[in-house]
C-alpha cells in the first residue's frame, strides 16, 4: 500500500468513528454538535484526495 492509500484509509476510519459518535449522541445537543463538526472536519481533510492537480 502506498502512503496515500494508508492516509485515505485512516480518514475513512475517522469518518466511520464520527458517524458512530453522531449515532451515540442522538438527543444530546452539544454532543451531537461536536460530532457533526468532527465529521465535517474529517471530510474537509479528505478533499485533497479527490481534487485533481
Protein backbone atom coordinates (compact mmCIF):
# COMPACT_ATOMS: atom_id res chain seq x y z
CA UNK A 1 0.00 0.00 0.00
CA UNK A 2 1.19 3.49 -0.75
CA UNK A 3 1.29 6.25 1.84
CA UNK A 4 -1.64 7.93 0.08
CA UNK A 5 -3.77 4.79 0.38
CA UNK A 6 -2.88 4.39 4.06
CA UNK A 7 -3.77 8.05 4.75
CA UNK A 8 -7.07 7.70 2.89
CA UNK A 9 -7.92 4.52 4.82
CA UNK A 10 -7.17 6.32 8.08
CA UNK A 11 -9.53 9.17 7.18
CA UNK A 12 -12.25 6.66 6.26
CA UNK A 13 -11.88 5.17 9.75
CA UNK A 14 -12.17 8.66 11.27
CA UNK A 15 -15.38 9.27 9.27
CA UNK A 16 -16.82 5.96 10.49
CA UNK A 17 -15.88 6.95 14.03
CA UNK A 18 -17.60 10.34 13.62
CA UNK A 19 -20.76 8.62 12.37
CA UNK A 20 -20.66 6.35 15.41
CA UNK A 21 -20.34 9.36 17.71
CA UNK A 22 -23.31 11.00 15.97
CA UNK A 23 -25.44 7.89 16.49
CA UNK A 24 -24.36 7.64 20.15
CA UNK A 25 -25.17 11.29 20.81
CA UNK A 26 -28.72 11.35 19.45
CA UNK A 27 -30.84 13.56 21.70
CA UNK A 28 -27.90 15.41 23.27
CA UNK A 29 -27.42 18.74 21.53
CA UNK A 30 -23.80 19.57 22.42
CA UNK A 31 -22.52 16.04 21.89
CA UNK A 32 -24.30 15.96 18.53
CA UNK A 33 -22.92 19.37 17.62
CA UNK A 34 -19.37 18.27 18.40
CA UNK A 35 -19.80 15.02 16.49
CA UNK A 36 -21.11 16.78 13.39
CA UNK A 37 -18.27 19.31 13.49
CA UNK A 38 -15.80 16.40 13.82
CA UNK A 39 -17.37 14.69 10.77
CA UNK A 40 -17.19 17.91 8.73
CA UNK A 41 -13.54 18.39 9.71
CA UNK A 42 -12.73 14.83 8.60
CA UNK A 43 -14.44 15.43 5.26
CA UNK A 44 -12.54 18.70 4.77
CA UNK A 45 -9.24 16.89 5.35
CA UNK A 46 -10.27 14.34 2.68
CA UNK A 47 -10.73 16.99 -0.03
CA UNK A 48 -7.12 16.70 -1.33
CA UNK A 49 -7.72 13.01 -2.13
CA UNK A 50 -10.48 13.97 -4.58
CA UNK A 51 -9.05 17.15 -6.17
CA UNK A 52 -7.29 16.94 -9.47
CA UNK A 53 -3.89 18.58 -9.54
